Each structure stands twice: as structure tokens, then as C-alpha cells.
Amino acid sequence: MLNKTDEFASKFLGKKVEGSTTYDPSFLVAVPRDENRKQYNILENDLPFEGCDVWHAYEFSTLTENGLPVTRLLKLKYNCTSKFIVESKSLKLYLNSFNMSRYGCDLVECLKLCKEIIEKDLSDLLKTDVSVCFIDNNVDRVKIFDKFENILNFVDQKSLTINKFKESPALLHIEDSDSEREYFLTFDSLRSNCRVTHQPDFGDAFIYYKSHKHIIEDSLLKYLCSFRSEFHFHEECCEMIYKRLYDLLDIQQCGELFVSILYTRRGGIDICPSRWSMNCIPDYLVDLIDISKYARCCIKQ
């Protein structure tokens, strides 16, 4: 039997759905965040993080009033404090409904009208402010996360034994450091699975923390690998990882923590959730959450 969250999400997921040749906001489905948060003692009225969800839709296309096709990369962003997320297939169907709809006398007016419509529809759906921007497909992408180093550089791969593939916080181990230190780590083989369709999702995880405690890297690697058979939405995985590390490092008392996952696109859409400790927005995050920029990761080898 589906729980409340999966019932909302499964309106279109895993089903054959006829699209629309005209603009249709009824496709949009909101999914509540609270169900998964409760399992990890993440309280809606006392979140242990700030953050946002950034989405890229690579196949947005519509027409001007005289039938000229207009195609752009659409970027949208909303805050993690929203009570809902938008279900990804519903968003794809909704955006596809613009394909044969006509807006504006020229390209500029067309995109302006579409931006206003999409921002209003999503803001109304999610009960929060949603920012939308169209980015030219030829724009240079901004490199980010160049401080981060692959976690495999810190472990002896030949001596590793990884055999737990359900989220296992007991795998994490820490040691005390003689001073507060900064750590910049990335893992490029994170895998989880959609909680409704069970299709795999792949992403690059970026973890920064500043603490008197040190998470032993091979234990962190094993923990991240343990998501391989988990069934969660992208945003949920990011918050699960953040909360486990937040508790382990005792970030509430001191230190800083940042977790971001840049998922690869599926169905023409990618989702990039980021969570960070209160009042600490890392410099390298600015380009990712800047609604006017198209950013990609840059992993230090």
C-alpha cells in the first residue's frame, strides 16, 4: 500500500500519460516534504539547515505568436523551507504543454510571459516563492566546487570491503582532531532510486565541513555507497546525508557543514539540492544557486 507521499507522487509516475498540445497547469503535482523528514527527526519548525533546490530543464520549448520556435535551458529555484516539492514527471508534462502554445510577438516577450506564468504556477503549487530564468543554450557554463577533492584519493581502494547498500549510519566513524579543520570532499558515484518507479538516479555528492572532529574517509565512502539500494527522492537523500553528518559532528554546537548533490538529468530534467548549516553560505555555492547562471561541477583530481 502506498503511503501519503508516494500516493501523491504516483499520479503520473510509472504510467502512460498523454501530454497536452496546449498549456496545462493541471499536470503539476506537489509532494509534501514532512513525511521523510519525520523519520530523521528533522523538524519543520526547527530545521537544522538552510538550503534550496535548484532544477534545470534542458528541453523547454515554446512558440511565439507567429509560430517561431523558442528553445532554452530553464532554471528554477525554491527554498528548502517550502512544505512541498514538485514531482519531476509532473513538471516535465507541465513544461511540455508549452511546446505548441504561443506567447508574445517576439523571442524576448515570449520568454518574459513564460517566466511569469511558470513562476506563478509553481509558487501557487508549492506555497513558496519560486524563481525562474531562461538561459541561452550557448552560454558558457560556470565551474564550481574546484576546491573539492575526490574521496577516493584518501582511501586504500584495494583494502576496501563494501557490502552494505541500504542507508547505514553505523558505518560512519569519527576521530578527534587537535584543531578545527576544513574538509572538502566529493564522491562521483552516488546512486539512489526513485521511491515510486524504483528507477536509478546518479549524482555527484559534495561535502564540506569545518570541525574539531574528522570523519574517517573510508567510513564516509562506505556510508555514501549504502544509498545504492535506497528508494528516496533526490531532496530526501541530500537531507538524510546532511542530518547524519550534522548529528555526528555536533554542528549545532560548533562548526560548519554543507552537502550538495548534483544529480544527472533524467527525462531532460536534473535536480540539485543543497543544504548548509545556519548563516553559512559557502562562496563556491553562489554560482550554483544564482538563478541567472548555469553552473556545473569541477572536481579536483
C-alpha atoms as a PDB file:
ATOM      1  CA  MET A   1       0.000   0.000   0.000  1.00  0.00           C
ATOM      2  CA  LEU A   2       1.341   3.437  -0.935  1.00  0.00           C
ATOM      3  CA  ASN A   3       1.973   5.943   1.831  1.00  0.00           C
ATOM      4  CA  LYS A   4       0.749   9.516   1.575  1.00  0.00           C
ATOM      5  CA  THR A   5       3.845  10.846  -0.182  1.00  0.00           C
ATOM      6  CA  ASP A   6       4.023   8.022  -2.715  1.00  0.00           C
ATOM      7  CA  GLU A   7       0.310   8.351  -3.407  1.00  0.00           C
ATOM      8  CA  PHE A   8       0.793  11.995  -4.416  1.00  0.00           C
ATOM      9  CA  ALA A   9       3.900  11.223  -6.463  1.00  0.00           C
ATOM     10  CA  SER A  10       2.398   8.267  -8.310  1.00  0.00           C
ATOM     11  CA  LYS A  11      -0.277  10.306 -10.081  1.00  0.00           C
ATOM     12  CA  PHE A  12       1.830  10.137 -13.260  1.00  0.00           C
ATOM     13  CA  LEU A  13       4.924   8.126 -12.311  1.00  0.00           C
ATOM     14  CA  GLY A  14       5.073   4.674 -13.853  1.00  0.00           C
ATOM     15  CA  LYS A  15       2.023   5.348 -16.017  1.00  0.00           C
ATOM     16  CA  LYS A  16       1.408   6.093 -19.673  1.00  0.00           C
ATOM     17  CA  VAL A  17       0.239   9.701 -19.803  1.00  0.00           C
ATOM     18  CA  GLU A  18      -0.962  11.600 -22.825  1.00  0.00           C
ATOM     19  CA  GLY A  19       0.623  15.034 -22.993  1.00  0.00           C
ATOM     20  CA  SER A  20      -1.163  18.215 -23.908  1.00  0.00           C
ATOM     21  CA  THR A  21      -0.745  20.336 -27.025  1.00  0.00           C
ATOM     22  CA  THR A  22      -1.830  23.420 -25.062  1.00  0.00           C
ATOM     23  CA  TYR A  23      -0.673  24.965 -21.802  1.00  0.00           C
ATOM     24  CA  ASP A  24      -1.996  22.880 -18.894  1.00  0.00           C
ATOM     25  CA  PRO A  25      -1.051  23.644 -15.260  1.00  0.00           C
ATOM     26  CA  SER A  26      -3.231  20.763 -14.021  1.00  0.00           C
ATOM     27  CA  PHE A  27      -0.309  18.398 -14.659  1.00  0.00           C
ATOM     28  CA  LEU A  28       1.611  19.804 -11.690  1.00  0.00           C
ATOM     29  CA  VAL A  29       1.771  17.660  -8.541  1.00  0.00           C
ATOM     30  CA  ALA A  30       3.055  18.830  -5.144  1.00  0.00           C
ATOM     31  CA  VAL A  31       4.623  16.270  -2.787  1.00  0.00           C
ATOM     32  CA  PRO A  32       4.912  17.047   0.959  1.00  0.00           C
ATOM     33  CA  ARG A  33       8.414  17.079   2.447  1.00  0.00           C
ATOM     34  CA  ASP A  34       7.415  16.282   6.016  1.00  0.00           C
ATOM     35  CA  GLU A  35       6.957  12.505   5.872  1.00  0.00           C
ATOM     36  CA  ASN A  36      10.602  11.632   5.238  1.00  0.00           C
ATOM     37  CA  ARG A  37      11.846  14.432   7.494  1.00  0.00           C
ATOM     38  CA  LYS A  38       9.993  12.978  10.476  1.00  0.00           C
ATOM     39  CA  GLN A  39      11.927   9.713  10.145  1.00  0.00           C
ATOM     40  CA  TYR A  40      15.187  11.602  10.647  1.00  0.00           C
ATOM     41  CA  ASN A  41      13.966  13.931  13.375  1.00  0.00           C
ATOM     42  CA  ILE A  42      14.099  16.911  11.041  1.00  0.00           C
ATOM     43  CA  LEU A  43      11.521  19.294  12.478  1.00  0.00           C
ATOM     44  CA  GLU A  44       9.644  21.579  10.094  1.00  0.00           C
ATOM     45  CA  ASN A  45       9.603  24.430  12.615  1.00  0.00           C
ATOM     46  CA  ASP A  46      13.252  23.967  13.603  1.00  0.00           C
ATOM     47  CA  LEU A  47      15.218  22.911  10.534  1.00  0.00           C
ATOM     48  CA  PRO A  48      18.920  22.171  11.212  1.00  0.00           C
ATOM     49  CA  PHE A  49      19.900  23.677   7.873  1.00  0.00           C
ATOM     50  CA  GLU A  50      19.275  26.314   5.273  1.00  0.00           C
ATOM     51  CA  GLY A  51      19.192  25.439   1.615  1.00  0.00           C
ATOM     52  CA  CYS A  52      17.444  25.344  -1.704  1.00  0.00           C
ATOM     53  CA  ASP A  53      16.548  23.047  -4.553  1.00  0.00           C
ATOM     54  CA  VAL A  54      17.819  24.007  -7.991  1.00  0.00           C
ATOM     55  CA  TRP A  55      16.324  22.406 -11.084  1.00  0.00           C
ATOM     56  CA  HIS A  56      17.451  22.509 -14.708  1.00  0.00           C
ATOM     57  CA  ALA A  57      15.027  21.638 -17.517  1.00  0.00           C
ATOM     58  CA  TYR A  58      17.119  21.228 -20.650  1.00  0.00           C
ATOM     59  CA  GLU A  59      14.287  20.827 -23.150  1.00  0.00           C
ATOM     60  CA  PHE A  60      11.959  23.768 -22.570  1.00  0.00           C
ATOM     61  CA  SER A  61      10.437  24.912 -25.843  1.00  0.00           C
ATOM     62  CA  THR A  62       7.502  27.038 -26.926  1.00  0.00           C
ATOM     63  CA  LEU A  63       6.349  29.249 -29.824  1.00  0.00           C
ATOM     64  CA  THR A  64       5.956  32.948 -30.434  1.00  0.00           C
ATOM     65  CA  GLU A  65       2.582  34.184 -31.667  1.00  0.00           C
ATOM     66  CA  ASN A  66       3.759  33.898 -35.263  1.00  0.00           C
ATOM     67  CA  GLY A  67       4.934  30.294 -34.779  1.00  0.00           C
ATOM     68  CA  LEU A  68       8.684  30.826 -34.276  1.00  0.00           C
ATOM     69  CA  PRO A  69      10.088  28.026 -32.046  1.00  0.00           C
ATOM     70  CA  VAL A  70      11.957  29.202 -28.939  1.00  0.00           C
ATOM     71  CA  THR A  71      14.110  26.702 -27.012  1.00  0.00           C
ATOM     72  CA  ARG A  72      16.037  27.429 -23.816  1.00  0.00           C
ATOM     73  CA  LEU A  73      17.510  25.847 -20.713  1.00  0.00           C
ATOM     74  CA  LEU A  74      15.094  26.633 -17.890  1.00  0.00           C
ATOM     75  CA  LYS A  75      16.495  27.035 -14.387  1.00  0.00           C
ATOM     76  CA  LEU A  76      14.278  27.241 -11.329  1.00  0.00           C
ATOM     77  CA  LYS A  77      14.951  27.527  -7.614  1.00  0.00           C
ATOM     78  CA  TYR A  78      12.968  27.421  -4.403  1.00  0.00           C
ATOM     79  CA  ASN A  79      13.816  27.290  -0.721  1.00  0.00           C
ATOM     80  CA  CYS A  80      14.061  24.118   1.359  1.00  0.00           C
ATOM     81  CA  THR A  81      11.626  25.679   3.829  1.00  0.00           C
ATOM     82  CA  SER A  82       8.757  25.029   1.405  1.00  0.00           C
ATOM     83  CA  LYS A  83       6.316  22.420   2.654  1.00  0.00           C
ATOM     84  CA  PHE A  84       6.210  20.804  -0.790  1.00  0.00           C
ATOM     85  CA  ILE A  85       8.432  19.772  -3.662  1.00  0.00           C
ATOM     86  CA  VAL A  86       7.234  19.458  -7.245  1.00  0.00           C
ATOM     87  CA  GLU A  87       7.143  15.906  -8.572  1.00  0.00           C
ATOM     88  CA  SER A  88       9.541  15.678 -11.510  1.00  0.00           C
ATOM     89  CA  LYS A  89       7.411  13.874 -14.111  1.00  0.00           C
ATOM     90  CA  SER A  90       4.515  16.229 -13.436  1.00  0.00           C
ATOM     91  CA  LEU A  91       6.878  19.162 -14.023  1.00  0.00           C
ATOM     92  CA  LYS A  92       8.067  17.611 -17.294  1.00  0.00           C
ATOM     93  CA  LEU A  93       4.481  17.125 -18.515  1.00  0.00           C
ATOM     94  CA  TYR A  94       3.618  20.667 -17.473  1.00  0.00           C
ATOM     95  CA  LEU A  95       6.613  22.179 -19.282  1.00  0.00           C
ATOM     96  CA  ASN A  96       5.894  20.069 -22.359  1.00  0.00           C
ATOM     97  CA  SER A  97       2.426  21.619 -22.503  1.00  0.00           C
ATOM     98  CA  PHE A  98       4.151  24.865 -23.553  1.00  0.00           C
ATOM     99  CA  ASN A  99       5.574  23.215 -26.686  1.00  0.00           C
ATOM    100  CA  MET A 100       2.748  24.160 -29.059  1.00  0.00           C
ATOM    101  CA  SER A 101       1.411  27.150 -27.108  1.00  0.00           C
ATOM    102  CA  ARG A 102       2.068  30.666 -28.418  1.00  0.00           C
ATOM    103  CA  TYR A 103       3.297  33.657 -26.431  1.00  0.00           C
ATOM    104  CA  GLY A 104       4.473  37.139 -27.380  1.00  0.00           C
ATOM    105  CA  CYS A 105       5.282  38.925 -30.593  1.00  0.00           C
ATOM    106  CA  ASP A 106       8.994  38.095 -30.421  1.00  0.00           C
ATOM    107  CA  LEU A 107      11.526  35.947 -28.548  1.00  0.00           C
ATOM    108  CA  VAL A 108      12.041  38.410 -25.668  1.00  0.00           C
ATOM    109  CA  GLU A 109       8.347  38.896 -24.971  1.00  0.00           C
ATOM    110  CA  CYS A 110       7.702  35.170 -25.351  1.00  0.00           C
ATOM    111  CA  LEU A 111      10.238  34.234 -22.666  1.00  0.00           C
ATOM    112  CA  LYS A 112       9.062  37.047 -20.384  1.00  0.00           C
ATOM    113  CA  LEU A 113       5.479  35.796 -20.488  1.00  0.00           C
ATOM    114  CA  CYS A 114       6.501  32.171 -19.962  1.00  0.00           C
ATOM    115  CA  LYS A 115       8.669  33.135 -16.991  1.00  0.00           C
ATOM    116  CA  GLU A 116       5.754  34.968 -15.360  1.00  0.00           C
ATOM    117  CA  ILE A 117       3.354  32.072 -15.935  1.00  0.00           C
ATOM    118  CA  ILE A 118       5.723  29.376 -14.649  1.00  0.00           C
ATOM    119  CA  GLU A 119       6.770  31.360 -11.583  1.00  0.00           C
ATOM    120  CA  LYS A 120       3.140  31.967 -10.638  1.00  0.00           C
ATOM    121  CA  ASP A 121       2.026  28.370 -11.237  1.00  0.00           C
ATOM    122  CA  LEU A 122       4.880  26.843  -9.237  1.00  0.00           C
ATOM    123  CA  SER A 123       4.709  29.429  -6.453  1.00  0.00           C
ATOM    124  CA  ASP A 124       0.985  28.759  -6.066  1.00  0.00           C
ATOM    125  CA  LEU A 125       1.535  24.998  -6.134  1.00  0.00           C
ATOM    126  CA  LEU A 126       4.391  24.911  -3.622  1.00  0.00           C
ATOM    127  CA  LYS A 127       3.157  27.758  -1.399  1.00  0.00           C
ATOM    128  CA  THR A 128       6.529  29.471  -1.647  1.00  0.00           C
ATOM    129  CA  ASP A 129       8.411  31.875  -3.914  1.00  0.00           C
ATOM    130  CA  VAL A 130       9.822  30.133  -6.982  1.00  0.00           C
ATOM    131  CA  SER A 131      12.383  31.874  -9.198  1.00  0.00           C
ATOM    132  CA  VAL A 132      12.650  31.016 -12.887  1.00  0.00           C
ATOM    133  CA  CYS A 133      15.208  32.058 -15.502  1.00  0.00           C
ATOM    134  CA  PHE A 134      15.817  31.062 -19.109  1.00  0.00           C
ATOM    135  CA  ILE A 135      19.447  30.559 -20.075  1.00  0.00           C
ATOM    136  CA  ASP A 136      20.759  30.656 -23.629  1.00  0.00           C
ATOM    137  CA  ASN A 137      21.919  27.201 -24.696  1.00  0.00           C
ATOM    138  CA  ASN A 138      25.212  28.675 -25.931  1.00  0.00           C
ATOM    139  CA  VAL A 139      26.160  30.383 -22.673  1.00  0.00           C
ATOM    140  CA  ASP A 140      29.422  29.373 -21.024  1.00  0.00           C
ATOM    141  CA  ARG A 141      28.900  27.169 -18.006  1.00  0.00           C
ATOM    142  CA  VAL A 142      30.333  28.320 -14.698  1.00  0.00           C
ATOM    143  CA  LYS A 143      32.778  25.980 -12.975  1.00  0.00           C
ATOM    144  CA  ILE A 144      32.214  25.399  -9.273  1.00  0.00           C
ATOM    145  CA  PHE A 145      33.489  23.167  -6.484  1.00  0.00           C
ATOM    146  CA  ASP A 146      37.110  23.344  -7.652  1.00  0.00           C
ATOM    147  CA  LYS A 147      38.265  23.109  -4.006  1.00  0.00           C
ATOM    148  CA  PHE A 148      36.782  19.660  -3.601  1.00  0.00           C
ATOM    149  CA  GLU A 149      38.847  16.501  -3.903  1.00  0.00           C
ATOM    150  CA  ASN A 150      37.686  13.020  -4.809  1.00  0.00           C
ATOM    151  CA  ILE A 151      37.216  10.968  -1.653  1.00  0.00           C
ATOM    152  CA  LEU A 152      38.902   8.001  -3.346  1.00  0.00           C
ATOM    153  CA  ASN A 153      42.190   9.889  -3.069  1.00  0.00           C
ATOM    154  CA  PHE A 154      42.017   9.416   0.706  1.00  0.00           C
ATOM    155  CA  VAL A 155      41.337   5.687   0.884  1.00  0.00           C
ATOM    156  CA  ASP A 156      43.131   2.460   0.051  1.00  0.00           C
ATOM    157  CA  GLN A 157      40.791   1.043  -2.569  1.00  0.00           C
ATOM    158  CA  LYS A 158      42.398  -2.412  -2.546  1.00  0.00           C
ATOM    159  CA  SER A 159      41.684  -2.916   1.148  1.00  0.00           C
ATOM    160  CA  LEU A 160      38.060  -1.723   0.970  1.00  0.00           C
ATOM    161  CA  THR A 161      35.174  -4.090   1.524  1.00  0.00           C
ATOM    162  CA  ILE A 162      31.775  -2.590   0.754  1.00  0.00           C
ATOM    163  CA  ASN A 163      28.757  -4.808   1.285  1.00  0.00           C
ATOM    164  CA  LYS A 164      26.002  -2.634   2.778  1.00  0.00           C
ATOM    165  CA  PHE A 165      23.704  -0.991   0.243  1.00  0.00           C
ATOM    166  CA  LYS A 166      20.880   0.249   2.462  1.00  0.00           C
ATOM    167  CA  GLU A 167      21.454   3.528   4.308  1.00  0.00           C
ATOM    168  CA  SER A 168      23.644   2.585   7.275  1.00  0.00           C
ATOM    169  CA  PRO A 169      24.734   5.438   9.571  1.00  0.00           C
ATOM    170  CA  ALA A 170      26.567   2.919  11.780  1.00  0.00           C
ATOM    171  CA  LEU A 171      29.209   2.801   9.044  1.00  0.00           C
ATOM    172  CA  LEU A 172      30.308   6.352   9.901  1.00  0.00           C
ATOM    173  CA  HIS A 173      33.273   6.734  12.234  1.00  0.00           C
ATOM    174  CA  ILE A 174      34.956   9.854  13.560  1.00  0.00           C
ATOM    175  CA  GLU A 175      38.100  10.794  15.405  1.00  0.00           C
ATOM    176  CA  ASP A 176      39.039  13.939  17.284  1.00  0.00           C
ATOM    177  CA  SER A 177      41.424  16.456  15.698  1.00  0.00           C
ATOM    178  CA  ASP A 178      43.844  18.650  17.621  1.00  0.00           C
ATOM    179  CA  SER A 179      42.383  21.744  15.941  1.00  0.00           C
ATOM    180  CA  GLU A 180      39.403  22.849  13.889  1.00  0.00           C
ATOM    181  CA  ARG A 181      39.986  21.867  10.268  1.00  0.00           C
ATOM    182  CA  GLU A 182      38.237  22.170   6.921  1.00  0.00           C
ATOM    183  CA  TYR A 183      37.460  19.227   4.662  1.00  0.00           C
ATOM    184  CA  PHE A 184      36.343  19.390   1.003  1.00  0.00           C
ATOM    185  CA  LEU A 185      35.256  16.020  -0.375  1.00  0.00           C
ATOM    186  CA  THR A 186      33.351  14.774  -3.401  1.00  0.00           C
ATOM    187  CA  PHE A 187      32.025  11.392  -4.459  1.00  0.00           C
ATOM    188  CA  ASP A 188      31.061  10.968  -8.108  1.00  0.00           C
ATOM    189  CA  SER A 189      29.250   7.619  -7.886  1.00  0.00           C
ATOM    190  CA  LEU A 190      26.315   8.265  -5.591  1.00  0.00           C
ATOM    191  CA  ARG A 191      23.296   6.208  -6.577  1.00  0.00           C
ATOM    192  CA  SER A 192      19.816   6.083  -5.134  1.00  0.00           C
ATOM    193  CA  ASN A 193      16.475   5.101  -6.643  1.00  0.00           C
ATOM    194  CA  CYS A 194      13.141   6.817  -7.220  1.00  0.00           C
ATOM    195  CA  ARG A 195      10.838   5.859  -4.376  1.00  0.00           C
ATOM    196  CA  VAL A 196       7.886   5.265  -6.737  1.00  0.00           C
ATOM    197  CA  THR A 197       9.272   3.912 -10.035  1.00  0.00           C
ATOM    198  CA  HIS A 198      12.449   2.410  -8.482  1.00  0.00           C
ATOM    199  CA  GLN A 199      14.471   3.715 -11.429  1.00  0.00           C
ATOM    200  CA  PRO A 200      18.103   4.545 -10.543  1.00  0.00           C
ATOM    201  CA  ASP A 201      19.311   8.112 -10.022  1.00  0.00           C
ATOM    202  CA  PHE A 202      23.005   9.020 -10.200  1.00  0.00           C
ATOM    203  CA  GLY A 203      24.719  12.083  -8.814  1.00  0.00           C
ATOM    204  CA  ASP A 204      27.894  13.763  -7.587  1.00  0.00           C
ATOM    205  CA  ALA A 205      27.916  14.459  -3.843  1.00  0.00           C
ATOM    206  CA  PHE A 206      29.874  17.419  -2.457  1.00  0.00           C
ATOM    207  CA  ILE A 207      30.540  17.596   1.277  1.00  0.00           C
ATOM    208  CA  TYR A 208      32.285  20.374   3.149  1.00  0.00           C
ATOM    209  CA  TYR A 209      32.681  20.500   6.904  1.00  0.00           C
ATOM    210  CA  LYS A 210      34.675  22.503   9.403  1.00  0.00           C
ATOM    211  CA  SER A 211      35.069  20.803  12.750  1.00  0.00           C
ATOM    212  CA  HIS A 212      37.282  19.568  15.560  1.00  0.00           C
ATOM    213  CA  LYS A 213      36.084  16.122  14.543  1.00  0.00           C
ATOM    214  CA  HIS A 214      37.254  14.202  11.496  1.00  0.00           C
ATOM    215  CA  ILE A 215      35.069  11.722   9.644  1.00  0.00           C
ATOM    216  CA  ILE A 216      37.317   8.866   8.594  1.00  0.00           C
ATOM    217  CA  GLU A 217      37.126   8.919   4.817  1.00  0.00           C
ATOM    218  CA  ASP A 218      36.710   5.213   4.147  1.00  0.00           C
ATOM    219  CA  SER A 219      33.766   5.150   6.557  1.00  0.00           C
ATOM    220  CA  LEU A 220      32.184   8.131   4.791  1.00  0.00           C
ATOM    221  CA  LEU A 221      32.716   6.427   1.436  1.00  0.00           C
ATOM    222  CA  LYS A 222      31.027   3.254   2.695  1.00  0.00           C
ATOM    223  CA  TYR A 223      28.139   5.304   4.045  1.00  0.00           C
ATOM    224  CA  LEU A 224      27.598   7.087   0.719  1.00  0.00           C
ATOM    225  CA  CYS A 225      27.714   3.727  -1.066  1.00  0.00           C
ATOM    226  CA  SER A 226      24.985   2.474   1.270  1.00  0.00           C
ATOM    227  CA  PHE A 227      22.447   4.635  -0.592  1.00  0.00           C
ATOM    228  CA  ARG A 228      22.763   2.402  -3.638  1.00  0.00           C
ATOM    229  CA  SER A 229      19.621   0.418  -2.811  1.00  0.00           C
ATOM    230  CA  GLU A 230      17.703   3.219  -1.100  1.00  0.00           C
ATOM    231  CA  PHE A 231      14.405   4.483  -2.541  1.00  0.00           C
ATOM    232  CA  HIS A 232      14.054   8.210  -1.979  1.00  0.00           C
ATOM    233  CA  PHE A 233      13.606  11.472  -3.834  1.00  0.00           C
ATOM    234  CA  HIS A 234      16.763  13.471  -4.558  1.00  0.00           C
ATOM    235  CA  GLU A 235      15.951  16.131  -1.967  1.00  0.00           C
ATOM    236  CA  GLU A 236      15.393  13.485   0.693  1.00  0.00           C
ATOM    237  CA  CYS A 237      18.791  11.852   0.093  1.00  0.00           C
ATOM    238  CA  CYS A 238      20.556  15.189   0.467  1.00  0.00           C
ATOM    239  CA  GLU A 239      18.774  15.897   3.758  1.00  0.00           C
ATOM    240  CA  MET A 240      19.396  12.376   5.074  1.00  0.00           C
ATOM    241  CA  ILE A 241      23.139  12.680   4.461  1.00  0.00           C
ATOM    242  CA  TYR A 242      23.219  16.168   5.948  1.00  0.00           C
ATOM    243  CA  LYS A 243      21.329  15.151   9.102  1.00  0.00           C
ATOM    244  CA  ARG A 244      23.515  12.105   9.758  1.00  0.00           C
ATOM    245  CA  LEU A 245      26.693  14.195   9.468  1.00  0.00           C
ATOM    246  CA  TYR A 246      25.133  17.088  11.400  1.00  0.00           C
ATOM    247  CA  ASP A 247      24.433  14.811  14.358  1.00  0.00           C
ATOM    248  CA  LEU A 248      27.793  13.052  14.158  1.00  0.00           C
ATOM    249  CA  LEU A 249      29.804  16.274  14.036  1.00  0.00           C
ATOM    250  CA  ASP A 250      27.571  18.034  16.570  1.00  0.00           C
ATOM    251  CA  ILE A 251      27.278  21.009  14.240  1.00  0.00           C
ATOM    252  CA  GLN A 252      24.582  22.528  16.433  1.00  0.00           C
ATOM    253  CA  GLN A 253      27.297  23.323  18.987  1.00  0.00           C
ATOM    254  CA  CYS A 254      30.068  24.456  16.649  1.00  0.00           C
ATOM    255  CA  GLY A 255      31.473  24.039  13.160  1.00  0.00           C
ATOM    256  CA  GLU A 256      30.054  24.231   9.651  1.00  0.00           C
ATOM    257  CA  LEU A 257      28.530  21.709   7.268  1.00  0.00           C
ATOM    258  CA  PHE A 258      27.446  21.780   3.636  1.00  0.00           C
ATOM    259  CA  VAL A 259      26.040  18.973   1.482  1.00  0.00           C
ATOM    260  CA  SER A 260      25.115  19.324  -2.182  1.00  0.00           C
ATOM    261  CA  ILE A 261      24.158  16.638  -4.680  1.00  0.00           C
ATOM    262  CA  LEU A 262      24.195  17.355  -8.401  1.00  0.00           C
ATOM    263  CA  TYR A 263      22.097  14.619  -9.960  1.00  0.00           C
ATOM    264  CA  THR A 264      22.432  13.743 -13.619  1.00  0.00           C
ATOM    265  CA  ARG A 265      19.467  14.567 -15.813  1.00  0.00           C
ATOM    266  CA  ARG A 266      16.666  12.074 -16.316  1.00  0.00           C
ATOM    267  CA  GLY A 267      13.823  12.864 -18.674  1.00  0.00           C
ATOM    268  CA  GLY A 268      15.533  16.117 -19.607  1.00  0.00           C
ATOM    269  CA  ILE A 269      15.499  17.434 -16.021  1.00  0.00           C
ATOM    270  CA  ASP A 270      18.091  17.408 -13.262  1.00  0.00           C
ATOM    271  CA  ILE A 271      17.648  18.259  -9.581  1.00  0.00           C
ATOM    272  CA  CYS A 272      20.448  19.751  -7.479  1.00  0.00           C
ATOM    273  CA  PRO A 273      19.534  20.011  -3.768  1.00  0.00           C
ATOM    274  CA  SER A 274      21.915  21.790  -1.371  1.00  0.00           C
ATOM    275  CA  ARG A 275      21.764  22.102   2.411  1.00  0.00           C
ATOM    276  CA  TRP A 276      24.107  24.056   4.659  1.00  0.00           C
ATOM    277  CA  SER A 277      24.404  24.993   8.323  1.00  0.00           C
ATOM    278  CA  MET A 278      22.712  28.156   9.502  1.00  0.00           C
ATOM    279  CA  ASN A 279      24.104  31.529   8.436  1.00  0.00           C
ATOM    280  CA  CYS A 280      26.859  29.929   6.373  1.00  0.00           C
ATOM    281  CA  ILE A 281      26.504  30.172   2.600  1.00  0.00           C
ATOM    282  CA  PRO A 282      29.776  28.917   1.092  1.00  0.00           C
ATOM    283  CA  ASP A 283      31.345  31.136  -1.577  1.00  0.00           C
ATOM    284  CA  TYR A 284      31.540  28.263  -4.038  1.00  0.00           C
ATOM    285  CA  LEU A 285      27.771  27.747  -3.783  1.00  0.00           C
ATOM    286  CA  VAL A 286      26.891  31.192  -5.079  1.00  0.00           C
ATOM    287  CA  ASP A 287      27.172  30.312  -8.769  1.00  0.00           C
ATOM    288  CA  LEU A 288      25.057  27.193  -8.338  1.00  0.00           C
ATOM    289  CA  ILE A 289      22.149  28.984  -6.686  1.00  0.00           C
ATOM    290  CA  ASP A 290      22.427  32.128  -8.822  1.00  0.00           C
ATOM    291  CA  ILE A 291      19.266  31.827 -10.882  1.00  0.00           C
ATOM    292  CA  SER A 292      20.839  33.573 -13.882  1.00  0.00           C
ATOM    293  CA  LYS A 293      23.847  31.229 -14.216  1.00  0.00           C
ATOM    294  CA  TYR A 294      24.264  27.715 -15.488  1.00  0.00           C
ATOM    295  CA  ALA A 295      26.829  26.040 -13.261  1.00  0.00           C
ATOM    296  CA  ARG A 296      28.464  22.630 -13.444  1.00  0.00           C
ATOM    297  CA  CYS A 297      30.775  20.871 -11.045  1.00  0.00           C
ATOM    298  CA  CYS A 298      34.541  20.927 -11.395  1.00  0.00           C
ATOM    299  CA  ILE A 299      36.154  18.066  -9.470  1.00  0.00           C
ATOM    300  CA  LYS A 300      39.760  18.341  -8.403  1.00  0.00           C
ATOM    301  CA  GLN A 301      41.607  15.151  -9.303  1.00  0.00           C
END
